[in-house]
Amino acid sequence: MDTILVVNAGSSSVKFQVFALDGDGRLRREIKGQMDGIGSRPRLRATGATGDTLADRAYPIESVQDVPGALMLASAWLRDELQLSPLAVGHRVVHGGPDYDRAVLIDHGVIARLERFTTLAPLHQPHNLAPIRSLLANFPALPQVACFDTAFHRDHDQVADHYAIPRGLHDEGIRRYGFHGLSYEYIAKTLPQVAPDIAKARVVVAHLGSGASMCAIHGGRSVESTMGFTALDGLPMGTRTGQIDPGVILYLMTAKGMSPPEVQNFLYRDCGLKGLSGISNDMRELQNSSDPRAAFAIDYFVYRVALHAGMLAAALQGVDAFVFTAGIGENSVGIRARIAERLAWLGVTLDPTENARHALRISRADSRTPVYVVPTDEELMIAQHTLSLLLNRHSSSRPKRERAS
């Protein structure tokens, strides 16, 4: 069976999925799994296409001490016990910087260029690249493909990409990138099948999860995003600040004496819902809490989503539909209802019954702006990009040329 392995590596876990290639060229998900507890309580869990358990086993801490080790163990399990040897491996890489506007076949030169963007995505980039380096060293003939969260947004108009800073800094790469692009690309490609009436229209998509952002899409193309230079910008997230006055950063360094690494750790790990509530970064826990601080964190999150919806509506010069996706967006009836209530001025009228049953369309039939819930599938998007490049091996792995200013 010909397969594609998709890898999404984090700091203490490696998520993976295996897609089989049908005779007609379509991809079919066969296995979904992860190695978590890396460095503490390593555990391999995996399920098959029908949800049946394929593996659930613990390992000694010394046997899985880092992300590359976890991927090697998972790969050995796939190879030795399931007799699967993938044709290629597709990786989620958060930051492609100014160099990459599409998925790319990986070589040592690509890795070297991607390492330059580690400071722009410190929670993600090092862990994304670690298993890539490991596979390249151990299986140099195995094709690997990097799929970027920034790529979908790289066609933004220049006025949307620039900060009000000297152009030389922009040319060095200090610009608005946008993230969660694999999710938004999947939504844009799926809308023609699930909601053809809005597929080419002006759509605001809210990717709401532990990491959260929103994107304005018109005609299947990203027009604007709430995230910018890094994945800190825009909406408040589980532990990340979202939009913040840069003067606050200066204050933390000058008045509070925090070093740059301390500020970075603070903004990425101690803020967002966790910082606001003082309780948790998990929206489910906050919704189940009676603590007023939890209620305030939820209020703040809902308020900011609605606020940014207005910004994206301005970028689109109107909104024809609103789409919820990702963990909170796909599963939280209450959060969707509260956001929809704040979007009444945009013509949103929710249908409580349809919302409660997580229907595809959760707005009333007479809602001027329809609202949809569309589950995202970043892994399938990565598998599709990987297969496409595998079938077109002559594609260059050199970075793109910059567009003329």
Protein backbone atom coordinates (compact mmCIF):
# COMPACT_ATOMS: atom_id res chain seq x y z
CA MET A 1 0.00 0.00 0.00
CA ASP A 2 1.44 3.38 -1.05
CA THR A 3 1.23 5.89 1.82
CA ILE A 4 2.08 9.45 2.81
CA LEU A 5 3.15 10.17 6.41
CA VAL A 6 2.14 13.56 7.82
CA VAL A 7 4.02 14.90 10.86
CA ASN A 8 3.12 17.79 13.16
CA ALA A 9 5.80 18.07 15.84
CA GLY A 10 5.49 20.12 19.03
CA SER A 11 7.64 20.60 22.10
CA SER A 12 6.50 17.48 23.97
CA SER A 13 4.52 15.55 21.38
CA VAL A 14 4.62 14.37 17.79
CA LYS A 15 1.27 13.98 16.05
CA PHE A 16 1.21 11.89 12.90
CA GLN A 17 -1.25 10.60 10.34
CA VAL A 18 -0.92 8.07 7.54
CA PHE A 19 -2.78 8.53 4.27
CA ALA A 20 -3.12 5.75 1.70
CA LEU A 21 -3.08 6.55 -1.99
CA ASP A 22 -6.04 5.03 -3.85
CA GLY A 23 -5.76 3.76 -7.40
CA ASP A 24 -7.57 6.86 -8.65
CA GLY A 25 -5.07 9.17 -6.94
CA ARG A 26 -7.21 10.11 -3.93
CA LEU A 27 -5.89 10.15 -0.38
CA ARG A 28 -7.59 8.08 2.31
CA ARG A 29 -6.78 8.52 6.02
CA GLU A 30 -5.69 5.18 7.49
CA ILE A 31 -3.98 5.97 10.80
CA LYS A 32 -4.07 8.82 13.29
CA GLY A 33 -1.67 8.83 16.22
CA GLN A 34 0.72 10.68 18.45
CA MET A 35 3.70 10.24 20.72
CA ASP A 36 3.21 12.45 23.77
CA GLY A 37 4.80 12.82 27.19
CA ILE A 38 8.23 13.17 25.57
CA GLY A 39 10.85 13.52 28.30
CA SER A 40 8.40 12.66 31.06
CA ARG A 41 5.91 9.83 30.40
CA PRO A 42 6.27 8.78 26.76
CA ARG A 43 3.19 7.14 25.31
CA LEU A 44 2.27 6.03 21.80
CA ARG A 45 -1.41 6.15 20.87
CA ALA A 46 -2.85 5.36 17.45
CA THR A 47 -6.22 4.57 15.93
CA GLY A 48 -7.28 3.21 12.56
CA ALA A 49 -9.64 4.60 9.95
CA THR A 50 -12.72 3.41 11.84
CA GLY A 51 -11.49 4.58 15.24
CA ASP A 52 -10.23 1.16 16.33
CA THR A 53 -7.24 1.20 18.68
CA LEU A 54 -4.01 0.17 16.97
CA ALA A 55 -1.62 1.09 19.76
CA ASP A 56 -1.69 2.41 23.32
CA ARG A 57 1.59 1.75 25.05
CA ALA A 58 3.93 3.49 27.48
CA TYR A 59 7.72 3.63 27.22
CA PRO A 60 10.55 4.26 29.70
CA ILE A 61 11.50 7.92 29.87
CA GLU A 62 15.06 7.19 28.74
CA SER A 63 13.83 5.59 25.50
CA VAL A 64 12.10 8.74 24.21
CA GLN A 65 13.96 11.83 25.35
CA ASP A 66 13.29 14.23 22.50
CA VAL A 67 11.10 14.90 19.47
CA PRO A 68 13.37 13.18 16.90
CA GLY A 69 13.52 10.11 19.16
CA ALA A 70 9.72 10.06 19.38
CA LEU A 71 9.36 10.21 15.61
CA MET A 72 11.94 7.45 15.14
CA LEU A 73 9.99 5.22 17.55
CA ALA A 74 6.68 5.93 15.84
CA SER A 75 8.29 5.33 12.45
CA ALA A 76 9.72 2.01 13.64
CA TRP A 77 6.26 0.97 14.86
CA LEU A 78 4.72 1.80 11.49
CA ARG A 79 7.47 0.00 9.62
CA ASP A 80 8.02 -3.08 11.80
CA GLU A 81 4.52 -3.83 13.06
CA LEU A 82 2.30 -2.47 10.30
CA GLN A 83 4.75 -2.99 7.42
CA LEU A 84 4.24 0.59 6.21
CA SER A 85 7.03 2.46 4.45
CA PRO A 86 5.81 5.88 3.30
CA LEU A 87 6.58 7.21 -0.13
CA ALA A 88 7.21 10.62 1.43
CA VAL A 89 6.77 12.62 4.63
CA GLY A 90 4.91 15.92 4.82
CA HIS A 91 5.65 18.30 7.69
CA ARG A 92 3.80 21.25 9.12
CA VAL A 93 6.28 24.13 9.39
CA VAL A 94 4.84 27.24 10.96
CA HIS A 95 7.03 29.93 9.40
CA GLY A 96 8.17 30.08 5.78
CA GLY A 97 9.32 33.69 6.09
CA PRO A 98 9.55 35.83 2.95
CA ASP A 99 11.22 33.00 1.01
CA TYR A 100 8.46 30.45 0.61
CA ASP A 101 4.96 30.99 -0.73
CA ARG A 102 4.18 27.30 -1.29
CA ALA A 103 5.12 23.81 -0.10
CA VAL A 104 8.67 22.78 -0.97
CA LEU A 105 10.81 19.63 -1.17
CA ILE A 106 13.33 19.68 1.66
CA ASP A 107 17.10 19.58 1.38
CA HIS A 108 19.88 20.90 3.61
CA GLY A 109 19.66 24.34 2.01
CA VAL A 110 15.95 24.60 2.78
CA ILE A 111 16.57 23.64 6.41
CA ALA A 112 19.29 26.27 6.72
CA ARG A 113 16.95 28.97 5.42
CA LEU A 114 14.09 27.88 7.68
CA GLU A 115 16.33 27.95 10.75
CA ARG A 116 16.66 31.71 10.24
CA PHE A 117 12.97 32.09 11.13
CA THR A 118 13.21 30.32 14.50
CA THR A 119 13.02 33.59 16.43
CA LEU A 120 9.77 34.43 14.61
CA ALA A 121 8.06 31.24 15.83
CA PRO A 122 10.04 30.13 18.90
CA LEU A 123 7.34 27.78 20.20
CA HIS A 124 6.99 25.98 16.89
CA GLN A 125 9.85 26.28 14.41
CA PRO A 126 12.58 24.44 16.38
CA HIS A 127 10.26 21.50 17.02
CA ASN A 128 9.00 21.49 13.41
CA LEU A 129 12.58 21.29 12.10
CA ALA A 130 14.00 18.73 14.57
CA PRO A 131 12.30 15.63 13.08
CA ILE A 132 13.04 16.87 9.56
CA ARG A 133 16.77 16.95 10.33
CA SER A 134 16.58 13.53 11.98
CA LEU A 135 14.83 11.91 9.00
CA LEU A 136 17.21 13.59 6.56
CA ALA A 137 20.17 12.16 8.46
CA ASN A 138 18.74 8.66 8.86
CA PHE A 139 16.78 8.31 5.61
CA PRO A 140 18.41 10.71 3.11
CA ALA A 141 16.58 9.19 0.12
CA LEU A 142 13.12 9.64 1.69
CA PRO A 143 11.41 12.69 0.16
CA GLN A 144 10.28 15.24 2.74
CA VAL A 145 8.03 18.22 2.11
CA ALA A 146 7.66 21.37 4.22
CA CYS A 147 4.15 22.86 4.24
CA PHE A 148 3.95 26.36 5.67
CA ASP A 149 1.31 28.04 7.82
CA THR A 150 2.33 31.35 6.25
CA ALA A 151 2.11 30.33 2.58
CA PHE A 152 -1.63 30.86 2.03
CA HIS A 153 -1.29 34.51 3.02
CA ARG A 154 1.68 35.37 0.82
CA ASP A 155 -0.51 36.80 -1.96
CA HIS A 156 -1.75 39.66 0.23
CA ASP A 157 -1.66 43.10 -1.32
CA GLN A 158 1.43 44.99 -0.23
CA VAL A 159 -0.61 47.50 1.74
CA ALA A 160 -1.77 44.60 3.94
CA ASP A 161 1.72 43.16 4.36
CA HIS A 162 3.61 46.28 5.42
CA TYR A 163 4.21 47.80 8.82
CA ALA A 164 4.74 51.55 9.07
CA ILE A 165 8.51 51.14 9.31
CA PRO A 166 11.34 51.97 6.90
CA ARG A 167 11.14 49.90 3.72
CA GLY A 168 14.60 48.44 4.29
CA LEU A 169 13.32 46.57 7.34
CA HIS A 170 10.39 45.26 5.33
CA ASP A 171 12.81 44.04 2.66
CA GLU A 172 14.72 42.19 5.42
CA GLY A 173 11.54 40.29 6.26
CA ILE A 174 9.82 42.35 8.97
CA ARG A 175 6.30 42.23 7.59
CA ARG A 176 2.85 40.82 8.29
CA TYR A 177 2.75 37.13 7.38
CA GLY A 178 -0.39 35.61 8.88
CA PHE A 179 -0.60 32.03 10.17
CA HIS A 180 -2.94 29.00 10.31
CA GLY A 181 -2.69 29.11 6.53
CA LEU A 182 -3.02 25.35 6.09
CA SER A 183 -6.34 25.49 7.91
CA TYR A 184 -7.61 28.44 5.89
CA GLU A 185 -6.44 26.87 2.64
CA TYR A 186 -8.39 23.73 3.48
CA ILE A 187 -11.53 25.75 4.25
CA ALA A 188 -11.17 27.71 1.00
CA LYS A 189 -10.81 24.49 -1.02
CA THR A 190 -13.69 22.79 0.83
CA LEU A 191 -16.30 25.56 0.54
CA PRO A 192 -17.11 24.82 -3.12
CA GLN A 193 -18.32 21.36 -2.03
CA VAL A 194 -20.05 22.19 1.27
CA ALA A 195 -21.30 25.73 0.62
CA PRO A 196 -20.96 26.59 -3.08
CA ASP A 197 -23.04 29.76 -2.75
CA ILE A 198 -20.31 31.45 -0.71
CA ALA A 199 -17.18 29.74 -2.06
CA LYS A 200 -16.18 32.71 -4.23
CA ALA A 201 -17.73 35.37 -2.02
CA ARG A 202 -16.40 37.48 0.87
CA VAL A 203 -15.92 35.15 3.83
CA VAL A 204 -14.53 35.69 7.33
CA VAL A 205 -13.13 32.47 8.79
CA ALA A 206 -12.47 32.17 12.53
CA HIS A 207 -9.91 29.51 13.42
CA LEU A 208 -10.54 29.33 17.15
CA GLY A 209 -8.48 26.96 19.24
CA SER A 210 -5.61 27.12 21.71
CA GLY A 211 -3.98 29.09 18.93
CA ALA A 212 -6.54 31.45 17.42
CA SER A 213 -6.73 33.75 14.44
CA MET A 214 -9.14 34.99 11.79
CA CYS A 215 -8.81 35.41 8.05
CA ALA A 216 -10.63 37.40 5.38
CA ILE A 217 -11.02 35.31 2.21
CA HIS A 218 -12.38 36.53 -1.12
CA GLY A 219 -12.66 34.24 -4.12
CA GLY A 220 -10.72 31.56 -2.26
CA ARG A 221 -7.77 33.90 -1.67
CA SER A 222 -6.50 35.31 1.63
CA VAL A 223 -6.99 39.07 1.77
CA GLU A 224 -6.16 39.86 5.40
CA SER A 225 -5.31 38.06 8.63
CA THR A 226 -5.38 38.96 12.31
CA MET A 227 -1.87 37.57 12.81
CA GLY A 228 1.20 39.43 11.63
CA PHE A 229 4.98 39.10 11.99
CA THR A 230 4.66 36.30 14.57
CA ALA A 231 1.94 34.04 15.93
CA LEU A 232 1.52 36.39 18.92
CA ASP A 233 -0.64 38.94 17.13
CA GLY A 234 -4.40 39.31 16.82
CA LEU A 235 -6.79 37.34 19.00
CA PRO A 236 -6.04 36.32 22.60
CA MET A 237 -5.10 32.65 22.69
CA GLY A 238 -4.62 29.92 25.26
CA THR A 239 -1.34 31.33 26.58
CA ARG A 240 -0.46 34.05 24.02
CA THR A 241 -1.36 37.72 24.33
CA GLY A 242 -2.83 38.52 20.98
CA GLN A 243 -2.74 42.18 19.97
CA ILE A 244 -0.75 44.31 22.39
CA ASP A 245 0.73 47.81 22.34
CA PRO A 246 4.50 47.48 21.69
CA GLY A 247 4.94 50.06 24.41
CA VAL A 248 3.98 47.36 26.89
CA ILE A 249 7.01 45.34 25.77
CA LEU A 250 9.27 48.35 26.26
CA TYR A 251 7.77 48.89 29.71
CA LEU A 252 8.38 45.28 30.75
CA MET A 253 12.02 45.60 29.73
CA THR A 254 12.75 49.04 31.14
CA ALA A 255 10.50 49.36 34.21
CA LYS A 256 10.29 45.68 35.14
CA GLY A 257 13.82 44.76 34.13
CA MET A 258 12.78 41.75 32.09
CA SER A 259 15.30 40.40 29.59
CA PRO A 260 14.27 39.67 25.98
CA PRO A 261 14.09 35.89 26.65
CA GLU A 262 11.97 36.54 29.74
CA VAL A 263 9.61 38.79 27.79
CA GLN A 264 9.35 36.22 25.00
CA ASN A 265 8.53 33.43 27.46
CA PHE A 266 5.99 35.65 29.23
CA LEU A 267 4.15 36.67 26.05
CA TYR A 268 4.01 33.14 24.64
CA ARG A 269 3.38 31.10 27.79
CA ASP A 270 1.85 33.19 30.58
CA CYS A 271 -0.73 35.43 28.90
CA GLY A 272 -3.92 34.93 26.89
CA LEU A 273 -6.75 33.03 28.58
CA LYS A 274 -4.30 31.67 31.13
CA GLY A 275 -3.10 35.12 32.13
CA LEU A 276 -6.55 36.71 32.15
CA SER A 277 -8.17 33.98 34.23
CA GLY A 278 -5.30 32.88 36.41
CA ILE A 279 -6.94 29.45 36.16
CA SER A 280 -6.44 27.72 32.83
CA ASN A 281 -5.66 28.14 29.14
CA ASP A 282 -8.39 25.60 28.28
CA MET A 283 -11.68 27.14 27.16
CA ARG A 284 -13.59 24.06 28.36
CA GLU A 285 -12.29 24.48 31.89
CA LEU A 286 -13.08 28.18 31.86
CA GLN A 287 -16.65 27.56 30.71
CA ASN A 288 -17.13 25.04 33.52
CA SER A 289 -15.68 27.36 36.16
CA SER A 290 -17.72 29.59 38.50
CA ASP A 291 -14.74 31.89 39.06
CA PRO A 292 -15.50 35.45 37.83
CA ARG A 293 -11.99 35.64 36.38
CA ALA A 294 -12.84 32.75 34.07
CA ALA A 295 -16.00 34.55 32.98
CA PHE A 296 -13.98 37.68 32.27
CA ALA A 297 -11.46 35.75 30.15
CA ILE A 298 -14.32 34.35 28.06
CA ASP A 299 -15.92 37.80 27.74
CA TYR A 300 -12.60 39.21 26.55
CA PHE A 301 -12.12 36.43 23.99
CA VAL A 302 -15.62 36.88 22.54
CA TYR A 303 -15.24 40.67 22.45
CA ARG A 304 -11.93 40.46 20.59
CA VAL A 305 -13.24 37.97 18.02
CA ALA A 306 -16.14 40.30 17.25
CA LEU A 307 -13.84 43.32 17.15
CA HIS A 308 -11.52 41.70 14.63
CA ALA A 309 -14.50 40.55 12.57
CA GLY A 310 -15.22 44.22 12.01
CA MET A 311 -11.66 44.85 10.86
CA LEU A 312 -11.82 41.96 8.39
CA ALA A 313 -15.22 43.12 7.14
CA ALA A 314 -13.59 46.46 6.34
CA ALA A 315 -10.77 44.70 4.48
CA LEU A 316 -13.34 42.81 2.40
CA GLN A 317 -15.63 45.83 2.01
CA GLY A 318 -18.49 43.68 3.28
CA VAL A 319 -19.12 40.12 4.45
CA ASP A 320 -21.15 37.45 2.65
CA ALA A 321 -20.59 34.63 5.18
CA PHE A 322 -18.90 33.75 8.46
CA VAL A 323 -17.24 30.37 9.14
CA PHE A 324 -16.19 28.81 12.45
CA THR A 325 -13.46 26.17 12.52
CA ALA A 326 -10.82 24.52 14.79
CA GLY A 327 -11.27 23.18 18.33
CA ILE A 328 -13.35 25.92 19.95
CA GLY A 329 -15.04 26.99 16.73
CA GLU A 330 -16.12 23.46 15.84
CA ASN A 331 -17.17 22.32 19.32
CA SER A 332 -18.30 25.17 21.56
CA VAL A 333 -22.00 25.90 21.12
CA GLY A 334 -21.86 28.66 23.73
CA ILE A 335 -18.89 30.55 22.31
CA ARG A 336 -20.35 30.44 18.80
CA ALA A 337 -23.66 31.79 20.12
CA ARG A 338 -22.02 34.65 22.00
CA ILE A 339 -19.87 35.66 19.04
CA ALA A 340 -22.86 35.49 16.68
CA GLU A 341 -24.83 37.75 19.03
CA ARG A 342 -22.11 40.38 18.75
CA LEU A 343 -22.17 40.07 14.95
CA ALA A 344 -25.85 40.96 14.61
CA TRP A 345 -24.81 44.29 13.09
CA LEU A 346 -23.28 42.28 10.23
CA GLY A 347 -26.62 40.62 9.57
CA VAL A 348 -25.98 37.43 11.59
CA THR A 349 -29.00 35.68 13.13
CA LEU A 350 -28.18 32.35 14.72
CA ASP A 351 -30.48 29.33 14.78
CA PRO A 352 -30.09 27.92 18.33
CA THR A 353 -31.31 24.46 17.34
CA GLU A 354 -28.90 24.12 14.42
CA ASN A 355 -26.08 25.53 16.53
CA ALA A 356 -26.77 23.02 19.32
CA ARG A 357 -26.55 20.09 16.90
CA HIS A 358 -23.37 21.42 15.27
CA ALA A 359 -24.99 21.64 11.85
CA LEU A 360 -23.08 22.78 8.79
CA ARG A 361 -25.16 25.98 8.65
CA ILE A 362 -26.05 27.32 12.11
CA SER A 363 -27.73 30.59 11.11
CA ARG A 364 -31.45 31.04 10.44
CA ALA A 365 -32.74 30.81 6.89
CA ASP A 366 -33.48 34.55 6.92
CA SER A 367 -30.06 35.54 8.27
CA ARG A 368 -28.60 38.14 5.91
CA THR A 369 -25.13 36.75 6.61
CA PRO A 370 -25.07 32.93 6.80
CA VAL A 371 -22.89 31.27 9.43
CA TYR A 372 -21.26 27.88 8.93
CA VAL A 373 -19.25 25.39 10.97
CA VAL A 374 -16.67 23.68 8.76
CA PRO A 375 -14.22 21.25 10.42
CA THR A 376 -10.69 21.91 9.30
CA ASP A 377 -8.18 19.27 8.17
CA GLU A 378 -4.64 20.62 8.07
CA GLU A 379 -3.19 17.10 7.87
CA LEU A 380 -5.08 16.29 4.67
CA MET A 381 -3.89 19.59 3.22
CA ILE A 382 -0.29 18.64 4.03
CA ALA A 383 -0.77 15.19 2.50
CA GLN A 384 -2.15 16.73 -0.70
CA HIS A 385 0.77 19.14 -1.01
CA THR A 386 3.22 16.31 -0.34
CA LEU A 387 1.66 14.07 -2.96
CA SER A 388 1.61 16.89 -5.50
CA LEU A 389 5.32 17.57 -5.07
CA LEU A 390 6.10 13.85 -5.05
CA LEU A 391 4.45 13.55 -8.45
CA ASN A 392 6.35 16.59 -9.66
CA ARG A 393 9.86 16.00 -8.35
CA HIS A 394 11.37 18.51 -10.73
CA SER A 395 9.81 21.33 -8.66
CA SER A 396 12.54 23.62 -7.41
CA SER A 397 13.49 23.70 -3.75
CA ARG A 398 14.98 27.13 -4.17
CA PRO A 399 13.18 30.05 -2.53
CA LYS A 400 10.84 32.20 -4.58
CA ARG A 401 11.90 35.53 -5.99
CA GLU A 402 10.38 38.51 -4.29
CA ARG A 403 7.66 40.38 -6.12
CA ALA A 404 8.56 43.81 -7.40
CA SER A 405 7.63 46.58 -4.99
